[in-house]
C-alpha atoms as a PDB file:
ATOM      1  CA  MET A   1      -2.284 -38.904  40.092  1.00  0.00           C
ATOM      2  CA  ASN A   2       1.387 -38.643  40.673  1.00  0.00           C
ATOM      3  CA  ARG A   3       2.835 -35.044  41.227  1.00  0.00           C
ATOM      4  CA  LEU A   4       3.316 -33.069  38.279  1.00  0.00           C
ATOM      5  CA  HIS A   5       6.966 -31.184  38.464  1.00  0.00           C
ATOM      6  CA  PHE A   6       8.190 -27.742  37.398  1.00  0.00           C
ATOM      7  CA  LEU A   7      11.038 -28.313  34.360  1.00  0.00           C
ATOM      8  CA  PRO A   8      13.240 -25.358  35.385  1.00  0.00           C
ATOM      9  CA  ILE A   9      14.501 -25.143  32.083  1.00  0.00           C
ATOM     10  CA  PHE A  10      11.565 -23.443  30.617  1.00  0.00           C
ATOM     11  CA  ILE A  11      12.091 -20.043  28.953  1.00  0.00           C
ATOM     12  CA  LEU A  12       9.352 -18.147  27.920  1.00  0.00           C
ATOM     13  CA  MET A  13       8.437 -19.417  24.468  1.00  0.00           C
ATOM     14  CA  ALA A  14       6.386 -16.761  22.937  1.00  0.00           C
ATOM     15  CA  GLY A  15       6.894 -17.968  19.064  1.00  0.00           C
ATOM     16  CA  ALA A  16       4.095 -17.973  16.064  1.00  0.00           C
ATOM     17  CA  PHE A  17       2.584 -21.076  17.614  1.00  0.00           C
ATOM     18  CA  ALA A  18       1.546 -19.128  20.621  1.00  0.00           C
ATOM     19  CA  ALA A  19       0.409 -16.276  19.057  1.00  0.00           C
ATOM     20  CA  ILE A  20      -1.782 -17.954  16.401  1.00  0.00           C
ATOM     21  CA  THR A  21      -5.026 -18.880  18.078  1.00  0.00           C
ATOM     22  CA  MET A  22      -8.290 -20.042  16.687  1.00  0.00           C
ATOM     23  CA  LEU A  23     -11.919 -20.231  17.372  1.00  0.00           C
ATOM     24  CA  VAL A  24     -12.201 -23.442  19.739  1.00  0.00           C
ATOM     25  CA  ALA A  25     -13.836 -23.552  23.130  1.00  0.00           C
ATOM     26  CA  CYS A  26     -13.102 -23.226  26.291  1.00  0.00           C
ATOM     27  CA  GLY A  27     -14.462 -21.455  29.094  1.00  0.00           C
ATOM     28  CA  GLY A  28     -18.011 -19.898  29.537  1.00  0.00           C
ATOM     29  CA  SER A  29     -19.694 -18.853  31.831  1.00  0.00           C
ATOM     30  CA  ASP A  30     -23.350 -19.386  33.577  1.00  0.00           C
ATOM     31  CA  HIS A  31     -26.215 -17.333  31.751  1.00  0.00           C
ATOM     32  CA  ASP A  32     -26.219 -14.722  35.052  1.00  0.00           C
ATOM     33  CA  THR A  33     -22.649 -13.562  34.935  1.00  0.00           C
ATOM     34  CA  ALA A  34     -22.532 -13.389  31.007  1.00  0.00           C
ATOM     35  CA  ALA A  35     -20.479 -10.388  30.064  1.00  0.00           C
ATOM     36  CA  LYS A  36     -22.865  -7.636  28.421  1.00  0.00           C
ATOM     37  CA  VAL A  37     -22.389  -5.679  25.517  1.00  0.00           C
ATOM     38  CA  VAL A  38     -20.935  -1.993  25.819  1.00  0.00           C
ATOM     39  CA  THR A  39     -20.498   1.032  23.617  1.00  0.00           C
ATOM     40  CA  GLN A  40     -17.411   1.702  21.778  1.00  0.00           C
ATOM     41  CA  ASP A  41     -16.165   4.956  23.665  1.00  0.00           C
ATOM     42  CA  GLU A  42     -16.239   2.796  27.123  1.00  0.00           C
ATOM     43  CA  PRO A  43     -12.901   1.959  28.011  1.00  0.00           C
ATOM     44  CA  LEU A  44     -12.464  -1.885  28.111  1.00  0.00           C
ATOM     45  CA  TRP A  45     -10.013  -4.198  29.981  1.00  0.00           C
ATOM     46  CA  HIS A  46      -7.198  -5.506  28.190  1.00  0.00           C
ATOM     47  CA  GLY A  47      -4.748  -7.070  30.140  1.00  0.00           C
ATOM     48  CA  TRP A  48      -0.938  -7.079  30.662  1.00  0.00           C
ATOM     49  CA  ASN A  49       1.648  -7.699  28.106  1.00  0.00           C
ATOM     50  CA  ARG A  50       3.546 -11.187  28.955  1.00  0.00           C
ATOM     51  CA  TYR A  51       6.890  -9.114  28.856  1.00  0.00           C
ATOM     52  CA  GLN A  52       5.345  -7.453  31.807  1.00  0.00           C
ATOM     53  CA  ILE A  53       5.437 -10.890  33.892  1.00  0.00           C
ATOM     54  CA  PRO A  54       8.496  -9.632  36.632  1.00  0.00           C
ATOM     55  CA  GLU A  55      11.759 -11.732  36.267  1.00  0.00           C
ATOM     56  CA  GLU A  56      11.733 -13.135  39.289  1.00  0.00           C
ATOM     57  CA  ASP A  57       8.422 -14.469  39.108  1.00  0.00           C
ATOM     58  CA  THR A  58       8.891 -17.981  37.399  1.00  0.00           C
ATOM     59  CA  LEU A  59       5.860 -19.200  38.864  1.00  0.00           C
ATOM     60  CA  ALA A  60       3.899 -16.747  36.600  1.00  0.00           C
ATOM     61  CA  GLN A  61       5.955 -16.873  33.735  1.00  0.00           C
ATOM     62  CA  TYR A  62       5.680 -20.597  33.600  1.00  0.00           C
ATOM     63  CA  GLY A  63       1.742 -20.174  34.074  1.00  0.00           C
ATOM     64  CA  TYR A  64       1.614 -18.144  31.255  1.00  0.00           C
ATOM     65  CA  GLU A  65       3.662 -20.767  28.971  1.00  0.00           C
ATOM     66  CA  LEU A  66       0.789 -23.547  30.158  1.00  0.00           C
ATOM     67  CA  ILE A  67      -1.657 -21.286  28.804  1.00  0.00           C
ATOM     68  CA  ALA A  68      -0.109 -20.395  25.607  1.00  0.00           C
ATOM     69  CA  ASN A  69       1.316 -23.432  24.913  1.00  0.00           C
ATOM     70  CA  THR A  70      -0.768 -26.487  26.817  1.00  0.00           C
ATOM     71  CA  SER A  71      -0.367 -29.006  24.806  1.00  0.00           C
ATOM     72  CA  GLN A  72       3.367 -28.707  24.848  1.00  0.00           C
ATOM     73  CA  TYR A  73       3.276 -29.563  28.424  1.00  0.00           C
ATOM     74  CA  LEU A  74       0.353 -31.183  28.898  1.00  0.00           C
ATOM     75  CA  GLY A  75      -1.169 -32.630  25.463  1.00  0.00           C
ATOM     76  CA  PRO A  76      -1.197 -35.701  23.987  1.00  0.00           C
ATOM     77  CA  LYS A  77       2.764 -35.978  23.978  1.00  0.00           C
ATOM     78  CA  GLY A  78       3.288 -33.175  26.577  1.00  0.00           C
ATOM     79  CA  SER A  79       6.347 -32.997  28.154  1.00  0.00           C
ATOM     80  CA  VAL A  80       5.373 -32.968  31.396  1.00  0.00           C
ATOM     81  CA  ALA A  81       1.816 -35.057  31.442  1.00  0.00           C
ATOM     82  CA  GLN A  82      -0.682 -36.902  28.474  1.00  0.00           C
ATOM     83  CA  LEU A  83      -3.542 -35.218  30.059  1.00  0.00           C
ATOM     84  CA  SER A  84      -5.559 -33.386  27.062  1.00  0.00           C
ATOM     85  CA  ASN A  85      -6.588 -32.918  23.640  1.00  0.00           C
ATOM     86  CA  GLY A  86      -4.157 -31.755  21.947  1.00  0.00           C
ATOM     87  CA  MET A  87      -5.362 -27.804  22.102  1.00  0.00           C
ATOM     88  CA  ASN A  88      -3.991 -24.713  24.233  1.00  0.00           C
ATOM     89  CA  CYS A  89      -5.919 -22.633  26.761  1.00  0.00           C
ATOM     90  CA  GLN A  90      -5.200 -20.017  24.722  1.00  0.00           C
ATOM     91  CA  ASN A  91      -7.149 -21.611  21.745  1.00  0.00           C
ATOM     92  CA  CYS A  92     -10.286 -19.974  23.005  1.00  0.00           C
ATOM     93  CA  HIS A  93      -8.967 -17.590  25.695  1.00  0.00           C
ATOM     94  CA  LEU A  94      -6.922 -15.193  23.330  1.00  0.00           C
ATOM     95  CA  GLU A  95      -3.774 -13.660  23.706  1.00  0.00           C
ATOM     96  CA  GLY A  96      -2.996 -15.205  26.899  1.00  0.00           C
ATOM     97  CA  GLY A  97      -6.411 -14.366  28.192  1.00  0.00           C
ATOM     98  CA  THR A  98      -5.795 -10.723  27.927  1.00  0.00           C
ATOM     99  CA  ALA A  99      -8.520  -9.614  24.843  1.00  0.00           C
ATOM    100  CA  PRO A 100     -11.464  -7.921  25.507  1.00  0.00           C
ATOM    101  CA  TRP A 101     -14.335  -9.900  24.766  1.00  0.00           C
ATOM    102  CA  GLY A 102     -11.583 -12.513  24.063  1.00  0.00           C
ATOM    103  CA  ASN A 103     -12.888 -14.900  26.870  1.00  0.00           C
ATOM    104  CA  ASN A 104     -10.139 -13.571  28.814  1.00  0.00           C
ATOM    105  CA  TYR A 105      -9.403 -13.790  32.845  1.00  0.00           C
ATOM    106  CA  SER A 106      -9.949 -10.161  33.817  1.00  0.00           C
ATOM    107  CA  ALA A 107     -12.188 -11.300  36.171  1.00  0.00           C
ATOM    108  CA  VAL A 108     -10.825 -15.012  37.584  1.00  0.00           C
ATOM    109  CA  ALA A 109      -8.742 -13.823  40.562  1.00  0.00           C
ATOM    110  CA  SER A 110     -11.275 -11.297  41.724  1.00  0.00           C
ATOM    111  CA  THR A 111     -14.694 -13.257  41.643  1.00  0.00           C
ATOM    112  CA  TYR A 112     -13.120 -16.935  42.675  1.00  0.00           C
ATOM    113  CA  PRO A 113     -13.967 -18.698  44.942  1.00  0.00           C
ATOM    114  CA  LYS A 114     -17.547 -18.146  44.228  1.00  0.00           C
ATOM    115  CA  PHE A 115     -20.996 -20.130  43.898  1.00  0.00           C
ATOM    116  CA  ARG A 116     -21.902 -21.469  40.473  1.00  0.00           C
ATOM    117  CA  ASP A 117     -25.128 -22.618  39.315  1.00  0.00           C
ATOM    118  CA  ARG A 118     -23.768 -25.402  37.210  1.00  0.00           C
ATOM    119  CA  SER A 119     -21.979 -27.427  40.173  1.00  0.00           C
ATOM    120  CA  GLY A 120     -24.667 -25.862  42.406  1.00  0.00           C
ATOM    121  CA  SER A 121     -21.331 -25.389  45.136  1.00  0.00           C
ATOM    122  CA  ILE A 122     -18.992 -22.955  45.912  1.00  0.00           C
ATOM    123  CA  GLU A 123     -15.984 -23.207  43.214  1.00  0.00           C
ATOM    124  CA  THR A 124     -12.240 -22.346  43.869  1.00  0.00           C
ATOM    125  CA  MET A 125     -10.160 -21.443  41.230  1.00  0.00           C
ATOM    126  CA  SER A 126      -8.055 -24.601  40.579  1.00  0.00           C
ATOM    127  CA  LYS A 127     -11.895 -26.464  40.286  1.00  0.00           C
ATOM    128  CA  ARG A 128     -12.537 -23.426  37.712  1.00  0.00           C
ATOM    129  CA  VAL A 129      -9.187 -24.411  35.757  1.00  0.00           C
ATOM    130  CA  ASN A 130     -10.131 -28.110  35.970  1.00  0.00           C
ATOM    131  CA  ASP A 131     -13.773 -27.594  34.271  1.00  0.00           C
ATOM    132  CA  CYS A 132     -11.651 -26.594  31.541  1.00  0.00           C
ATOM    133  CA  PHE A 133      -9.477 -29.895  31.463  1.00  0.00           C
ATOM    134  CA  GLU A 134     -12.168 -31.702  31.863  1.00  0.00           C
ATOM    135  CA  ARG A 135     -14.862 -29.850  29.518  1.00  0.00           C
ATOM    136  CA  SER A 136     -12.884 -27.715  26.541  1.00  0.00           C
ATOM    137  CA  LEU A 137      -9.851 -29.929  26.650  1.00  0.00           C
ATOM    138  CA  ASN A 138     -11.879 -33.307  26.755  1.00  0.00           C
ATOM    139  CA  GLY A 139      -8.882 -34.464  29.462  1.00  0.00           C
ATOM    140  CA  ILE A 140      -8.246 -35.539  32.777  1.00  0.00           C
ATOM    141  CA  ALA A 141      -8.123 -32.802  36.025  1.00  0.00           C
ATOM    142  CA  LEU A 142      -4.748 -31.694  36.989  1.00  0.00           C
ATOM    143  CA  ASP A 143      -3.461 -32.467  40.611  1.00  0.00           C
ATOM    144  CA  THR A 144      -4.284 -29.198  42.202  1.00  0.00           C
ATOM    145  CA  ASN A 145      -1.234 -29.497  44.229  1.00  0.00           C
ATOM    146  CA  SER A 146       0.937 -29.372  41.177  1.00  0.00           C
ATOM    147  CA  VAL A 147       3.352 -26.984  39.925  1.00  0.00           C
ATOM    148  CA  GLU A 148       1.306 -26.648  36.960  1.00  0.00           C
ATOM    149  CA  MET A 149      -1.684 -25.856  38.886  1.00  0.00           C
ATOM    150  CA  LYS A 150      -0.288 -23.134  41.246  1.00  0.00           C
ATOM    151  CA  ALA A 151       1.754 -21.515  38.060  1.00  0.00           C
ATOM    152  CA  ILE A 152      -1.609 -20.951  36.197  1.00  0.00           C
ATOM    153  CA  GLU A 153      -2.858 -19.966  39.537  1.00  0.00           C
ATOM    154  CA  ALA A 154      -0.092 -17.498  39.893  1.00  0.00           C
ATOM    155  CA  TYR A 155      -0.853 -16.275  36.400  1.00  0.00           C
ATOM    156  CA  MET A 156      -4.606 -15.491  37.149  1.00  0.00           C
ATOM    157  CA  HIS A 157      -3.389 -13.240  40.052  1.00  0.00           C
ATOM    158  CA  TRP A 158      -0.993 -11.474  37.751  1.00  0.00           C
ATOM    159  CA  LEU A 159      -3.412 -10.569  35.243  1.00  0.00           C
ATOM    160  CA  GLY A 160      -6.375  -9.437  37.813  1.00  0.00           C
ATOM    161  CA  LYS A 161      -3.402  -7.301  39.819  1.00  0.00           C
ATOM    162  CA  GLY A 162      -4.932  -4.075  40.537  1.00  0.00           C
ATOM    163  CA  ILE A 163      -8.700  -5.326  40.241  1.00  0.00           C
ATOM    164  CA  GLU A 164     -11.211  -4.880  43.081  1.00  0.00           C
ATOM    165  CA  LYS A 165     -12.535  -8.092  44.594  1.00  0.00           C
ATOM    166  CA  GLY A 166     -15.700  -9.092  43.341  1.00  0.00           C
ATOM    167  CA  LYS A 167     -15.466  -6.799  40.407  1.00  0.00           C
ATOM    168  CA  LYS A 168     -15.708  -7.446  36.912  1.00  0.00           C
ATOM    169  CA  PRO A 169     -14.178  -5.239  34.178  1.00  0.00           C
ATOM    170  CA  LYS A 170     -15.641  -4.081  31.324  1.00  0.00           C
ATOM    171  CA  GLY A 171     -14.789  -6.212  28.301  1.00  0.00           C
ATOM    172  CA  SER A 172     -14.406  -9.713  30.081  1.00  0.00           C
ATOM    173  CA  GLY A 173     -15.456 -12.547  29.376  1.00  0.00           C
ATOM    174  CA  ILE A 174     -17.811 -12.660  25.984  1.00  0.00           C
ATOM    175  CA  MET A 175     -20.030 -10.346  24.644  1.00  0.00           C
ATOM    176  CA  GLU A 176     -23.623 -11.222  25.135  1.00  0.00           C
ATOM    177  CA  LEU A 177     -25.494 -10.823  21.744  1.00  0.00           C
ATOM    178  CA  ALA A 178     -28.714 -10.046  21.276  1.00  0.00           C
ATOM    179  CA  LEU A 179     -31.343 -12.964  20.919  1.00  0.00           C
ATOM    180  CA  LEU A 180     -32.549 -13.772  17.571  1.00  0.00           C
ATOM    181  CA  ASP A 181     -36.452 -13.835  16.544  1.00  0.00           C
ATOM    182  CA  ARG A 182     -35.819 -17.093  15.282  1.00  0.00           C
ATOM    183  CA  ALA A 183     -34.205 -20.218  15.895  1.00  0.00           C
ATOM    184  CA  ALA A 184     -30.388 -20.296  14.673  1.00  0.00           C
ATOM    185  CA  SER A 185     -29.806 -22.485  11.111  1.00  0.00           C
ATOM    186  CA  PRO A 186     -26.893 -24.675  10.994  1.00  0.00           C
ATOM    187  CA  GLU A 187     -27.732 -24.630   7.526  1.00  0.00           C
ATOM    188  CA  ASN A 188     -27.062 -21.045   6.713  1.00  0.00           C
ATOM    189  CA  GLY A 189     -23.937 -21.282   9.283  1.00  0.00           C
ATOM    190  CA  LYS A 190     -22.758 -24.201   7.035  1.00  0.00           C
ATOM    191  CA  LYS A 191     -22.562 -21.167   4.017  1.00  0.00           C
ATOM    192  CA  VAL A 192     -20.962 -18.692   6.587  1.00  0.00           C
ATOM    193  CA  TYR A 193     -18.550 -21.863   7.841  1.00  0.00           C
ATOM    194  CA  GLN A 194     -17.384 -22.747   4.039  1.00  0.00           C
ATOM    195  CA  GLU A 195     -16.825 -18.885   3.232  1.00  0.00           C
ATOM    196  CA  GLN A 196     -15.145 -17.728   6.315  1.00  0.00           C
ATOM    197  CA  CYS A 197     -13.962 -20.495   8.718  1.00  0.00           C
ATOM    198  CA  VAL A 198     -12.708 -23.103   6.248  1.00  0.00           C
ATOM    199  CA  THR A 199      -9.678 -21.939   5.303  1.00  0.00           C
ATOM    200  CA  CYS A 200      -8.002 -22.261   8.481  1.00  0.00           C
ATOM    201  CA  HIS A 201     -10.153 -24.964   9.830  1.00  0.00           C
ATOM    202  CA  SER A 202     -10.551 -27.329   6.925  1.00  0.00           C
ATOM    203  CA  PRO A 203     -13.909 -28.685   5.390  1.00  0.00           C
ATOM    204  CA  ASN A 204     -14.140 -31.103   8.187  1.00  0.00           C
ATOM    205  CA  GLY A 205     -13.250 -28.904  11.187  1.00  0.00           C
ATOM    206  CA  GLU A 206     -10.460 -30.847  12.175  1.00  0.00           C
ATOM    207  CA  GLY A 207      -7.871 -27.456  12.090  1.00  0.00           C
ATOM    208  CA  GLN A 208      -4.472 -27.633  11.268  1.00  0.00           C
ATOM    209  CA  LEU A 209      -1.629 -29.565  12.914  1.00  0.00           C
ATOM    210  CA  ASN A 210       2.005 -28.392  12.390  1.00  0.00           C
ATOM    211  CA  ALA A 211       3.994 -31.183  10.415  1.00  0.00           C
ATOM    212  CA  GLU A 212       7.071 -30.286  12.547  1.00  0.00           C
ATOM    213  CA  THR A 213       5.504 -30.445  15.845  1.00  0.00           C
ATOM    214  CA  GLY A 214       2.875 -31.547  15.626  1.00  0.00           C
ATOM    215  CA  LEU A 215       1.047 -29.187  17.712  1.00  0.00           C
ATOM    216  CA  TYR A 216      -2.335 -27.652  16.225  1.00  0.00           C
ATOM    217  CA  ILE A 217      -1.662 -24.099  14.204  1.00  0.00           C
ATOM    218  CA  TYR A 218      -5.240 -23.851  13.863  1.00  0.00           C
ATOM    219  CA  PRO A 219      -7.494 -26.133  16.540  1.00  0.00           C
ATOM    220  CA  PRO A 220      -9.976 -27.896  15.531  1.00  0.00           C
ATOM    221  CA  LEU A 221     -13.880 -27.125  15.588  1.00  0.00           C
ATOM    222  CA  TRP A 222     -15.549 -30.777  15.800  1.00  0.00           C
ATOM    223  CA  GLY A 223     -14.293 -34.142  15.795  1.00  0.00           C
ATOM    224  CA  PRO A 224     -12.494 -36.291  18.375  1.00  0.00           C
ATOM    225  CA  HIS A 225     -10.144 -33.908  19.351  1.00  0.00           C
ATOM    226  CA  SER A 226     -11.958 -30.659  19.936  1.00  0.00           C
ATOM    227  CA  TYR A 227     -13.956 -29.512  22.965  1.00  0.00           C
ATOM    228  CA  ASN A 228     -16.675 -31.935  24.664  1.00  0.00           C
ATOM    229  CA  SER A 229     -20.350 -31.588  24.934  1.00  0.00           C
ATOM    230  CA  GLY A 230     -19.614 -29.978  28.752  1.00  0.00           C
ATOM    231  CA  ALA A 231     -17.621 -26.999  27.195  1.00  0.00           C
ATOM    232  CA  GLY A 232     -18.986 -23.691  28.103  1.00  0.00           C
ATOM    233  CA  LEU A 233     -19.029 -23.012  24.335  1.00  0.00           C
ATOM    234  CA  PHE A 234     -21.662 -25.749  23.565  1.00  0.00           C
ATOM    235  CA  ARG A 235     -23.744 -23.517  24.665  1.00  0.00           C
ATOM    236  CA  LEU A 236     -24.857 -21.288  21.549  1.00  0.00           C
ATOM    237  CA  SER A 237     -24.681 -17.962  22.897  1.00  0.00           C
ATOM    238  CA  ARG A 238     -21.512 -18.299  24.303  1.00  0.00           C
ATOM    239  CA  LEU A 239     -19.958 -19.677  20.991  1.00  0.00           C
ATOM    240  CA  ALA A 240     -21.895 -16.923  19.059  1.00  0.00           C
ATOM    241  CA  GLY A 241     -20.560 -14.280  20.958  1.00  0.00           C
ATOM    242  CA  TYR A 242     -17.199 -15.006  20.749  1.00  0.00           C
ATOM    243  CA  VAL A 243     -17.383 -15.525  17.032  1.00  0.00           C
ATOM    244  CA  LYS A 244     -19.003 -11.935  16.443  1.00  0.00           C
ATOM    245  CA  THR A 245     -16.057 -10.031  18.458  1.00  0.00           C
ATOM    246  CA  ASN A 246     -12.954 -12.575  17.458  1.00  0.00           C
ATOM    247  CA  MET A 247     -13.781 -14.526  14.012  1.00  0.00           C
ATOM    248  CA  PRO A 248     -12.197 -14.766  11.264  1.00  0.00           C
ATOM    249  CA  PHE A 249      -9.170 -14.631  13.626  1.00  0.00           C
ATOM    250  CA  GLY A 250      -6.754 -11.705  12.590  1.00  0.00           C
ATOM    251  CA  GLN A 251      -9.732  -9.847  10.659  1.00  0.00           C
ATOM    252  CA  THR A 252     -11.794  -8.788  13.258  1.00  0.00           C
ATOM    253  CA  SER A 253     -12.085  -7.019  16.487  1.00  0.00           C
ATOM    254  CA  TRP A 254     -14.954  -6.688  18.957  1.00  0.00           C
ATOM    255  CA  SER A 255     -15.320  -2.613  17.547  1.00  0.00           C
ATOM    256  CA  LYS A 256     -15.149  -3.901  14.016  1.00  0.00           C
ATOM    257  CA  PRO A 257     -17.043  -6.856  13.204  1.00  0.00           C
ATOM    258  CA  ARG A 258     -16.595  -9.026  10.233  1.00  0.00           C
ATOM    259  CA  LEU A 259     -19.775 -11.265  10.755  1.00  0.00           C
ATOM    260  CA  THR A 260     -23.944  -9.815  11.523  1.00  0.00           C
ATOM    261  CA  ASP A 261     -25.146 -11.418  14.697  1.00  0.00           C
ATOM    262  CA  ALA A 262     -26.900 -13.546  12.693  1.00  0.00           C
ATOM    263  CA  GLU A 263     -23.912 -14.962  10.942  1.00  0.00           C
ATOM    264  CA  ALA A 264     -22.255 -15.376  14.332  1.00  0.00           C
ATOM    265  CA  TRP A 265     -25.835 -17.173  15.557  1.00  0.00           C
ATOM    266  CA  ASP A 266     -25.971 -19.477  12.797  1.00  0.00           C
ATOM    267  CA  VAL A 267     -22.370 -20.499  12.322  1.00  0.00           C
ATOM    268  CA  ALA A 268     -22.346 -21.252  15.723  1.00  0.00           C
ATOM    269  CA  ALA A 269     -25.098 -23.542  15.096  1.00  0.00           C
ATOM    270  CA  TYR A 270     -23.417 -25.077  12.651  1.00  0.00           C
ATOM    271  CA  ILE A 271     -20.485 -26.011  14.325  1.00  0.00           C
ATOM    272  CA  ASN A 272     -22.277 -27.313  17.584  1.00  0.00           C
ATOM    273  CA  SER A 273     -24.543 -29.173  15.464  1.00  0.00           C
ATOM    274  CA  MET A 274     -21.206 -31.648  14.061  1.00  0.00           C
ATOM    275  CA  PRO A 275     -19.814 -34.376  16.348  1.00  0.00           C
ATOM    276  CA  ARG A 276     -18.019 -34.015  19.156  1.00  0.00           C
ATOM    277  CA  PRO A 277     -17.138 -36.292  22.541  1.00  0.00           C
ATOM    278  CA  SER A 278     -19.363 -36.254  25.336  1.00  0.00           C
ATOM    279  CA  LYS A 279     -19.297 -35.585  29.250  1.00  0.00           C
ATOM    280  CA  ASP A 280     -21.664 -36.993  31.492  1.00  0.00           C
ATOM    281  CA  LEU A 281     -23.344 -34.000  32.659  1.00  0.00           C
ATOM    282  CA  SER A 282     -25.992 -35.702  35.161  1.00  0.00           C
ATOM    283  CA  LYS A 283     -24.067 -33.675  38.453  1.00  0.00           C
ATOM    284  CA  ASP A 284     -24.450 -30.290  36.152  1.00  0.00           C
ATOM    285  CA  TRP A 285     -27.467 -28.020  37.242  1.00  0.00           C
ATOM    286  CA  PRO A 286     -28.536 -29.652  40.255  1.00  0.00           C
ATOM    287  CA  ASP A 287     -31.182 -27.164  40.338  1.00  0.00           C
ATOM    288  CA  ILE A 288     -32.819 -27.334  36.924  1.00  0.00           C
ATOM    289  CA  SER A 289     -34.479 -23.708  36.736  1.00  0.00           C
ATOM    290  CA  LYS A 290     -31.068 -22.446  37.253  1.00  0.00           C
ATOM    291  CA  LYS A 291     -29.843 -24.057  33.514  1.00  0.00           C
ATOM    292  CA  PRO A 292     -29.264 -21.146  31.081  1.00  0.00           C
ATOM    293  CA  VAL A 293     -32.121 -20.795  28.448  1.00  0.00           C
ATOM    294  CA  ASP A 294     -29.217 -22.155  25.904  1.00  0.00           C
ATOM    295  CA  HIS A 295     -28.285 -25.140  27.996  1.00  0.00           C
ATOM    296  CA  PRO A 296     -28.840 -28.077  24.773  1.00  0.00           C
ATOM    297  CA  PHE A 297     -29.661 -30.804  27.491  1.00  0.00           C
ATOM    298  CA  GLY A 298     -32.746 -31.382  29.619  1.00  0.00           C
ATOM    299  CA  PRO A 299     -34.517 -32.306  31.891  1.00  0.00           C
ATOM    300  CA  TYR A 300     -36.151 -28.377  32.156  1.00  0.00           C
ATOM    301  CA  ALA A 301     -37.929 -26.723  33.888  1.00  0.00           C
ATOM    302  CA  ASP A 302     -39.543 -24.474  31.394  1.00  0.00           C
ATOM    303  CA  GLY A 303     -41.428 -27.017  29.457  1.00  0.00           C
ATOM    304  CA  PHE A 304     -39.979 -25.904  26.500  1.00  0.00           C
ATOM    305  CA  SER A 305     -37.533 -28.812  24.020  1.00  0.00           C
ATOM    306  CA  GLU A 306     -34.031 -29.243  23.561  1.00  0.00           C
ATOM    307  CA  GLU A 307     -33.976 -28.576  20.267  1.00  0.00           C
ATOM    308  CA  GLN A 308     -35.160 -25.268  21.258  1.00  0.00           C
ATOM    309  CA  HIS A 309     -32.630 -24.639  24.058  1.00  0.00           C
ATOM    310  CA  LYS A 310     -29.849 -25.502  21.673  1.00  0.00           C
ATOM    311  CA  TYR A 311     -30.830 -23.466  18.903  1.00  0.00           C
ATOM    312  CA  GLY A 312     -33.632 -21.157  19.667  1.00  0.00           C
ATOM    313  CA  PRO A 313     -35.794 -19.149  19.370  1.00  0.00           C
ATOM    314  CA  PHE A 314     -34.623 -18.491  22.858  1.00  0.00           C
ATOM    315  CA  LYS A 315     -37.216 -15.292  23.589  1.00  0.00           C
ATOM    316  CA  PRO A 316     -40.193 -17.143  24.122  1.00  0.00           C
ATOM    317  CA  ILE A 317     -37.945 -19.011  26.430  1.00  0.00           C
ATOM    318  CA  VAL A 318     -36.996 -15.962  28.098  1.00  0.00           C
ATOM    319  CA  ALA A 319     -40.225 -14.674  28.462  1.00  0.00           C
ATOM    320  CA  ALA A 320     -41.821 -17.718  29.970  1.00  0.00           C
ATOM    321  CA  ARG A 321     -39.098 -17.808  32.679  1.00  0.00           C
ATOM    322  CA  LYS A 322     -39.938 -14.293  33.442  1.00  0.00           C
ATOM    323  CA  LYS A 323     -43.773 -14.642  33.408  1.00  0.00           C
ATOM    324  CA  GLN A 324     -43.106 -17.576  35.720  1.00  0.00           C
ATOM    325  CA  ALA A 325     -40.650 -15.895  37.920  1.00  0.00           C
ATOM    326  CA  SER A 326     -43.377 -12.989  38.625  1.00  0.00           C
ATOM    327  CA  PRO A 327     -45.437 -12.752  41.363  1.00  0.00           C
END
């Protein structure tokens, strides 16, 4: 792929479009590194405000722009290249990846490079970024030597300043919800979706486009322009945790959720039961025993079905794995 070029005329464009981010899939992490629930009196990490990026650090400024307005630069009609499905990184990494429990970037610089069970290899930051481009944005990988990739990495490093290497601050990633005693119900989730989500994301999950710009105001949750089957939020626990602490957008916070845990699990089940692009995952999880309990594609080392691995109940799987691992 040809090297992408930075357009020097860019200025921070933190308009309303960048601020309006809604439920979509990006990110996600291996189960063993998922963020844990914390009590409300514990301090949580909250990232720097974009206006605090030093004026001279134009690379980090551009990195923020690419996170907040990905489609404008790299979407189907991108001004730099046409690589992705039209969603923005910020659609699932809220507030430019700075919000506590908002699938934030707090631990990226402090933990990468690192070994990930999904690939069975040591992954660099650029590899992780391109995972998002190829999975959550259902697109094409960025040239790792491009100014765009370097800018995104610069922004991640700027956000991670002050975090000790190898550490994850409280509030990083996605909150891990308690497992249900039953399978999550797409049928129940459809009712939750109709009551809580349809206004922004539309009855058929296609989101809402700005008629003038052609960019998403509220992104699609399923269909051809949404995240594919390899995205982190296609795992039910990741989507349910994200929904619980962030949705409905603008009406919810991690400390004052609007949905119950059961509603979050069920609406996640409904969203992930709907059609979306698929991805070849044949090279994922080379050690199948390391697959998370909610990874929805076999084969598995534990004997449970794909249906149960997708919707649950997950407690029997957890119990069986613990028994299998015990001496």
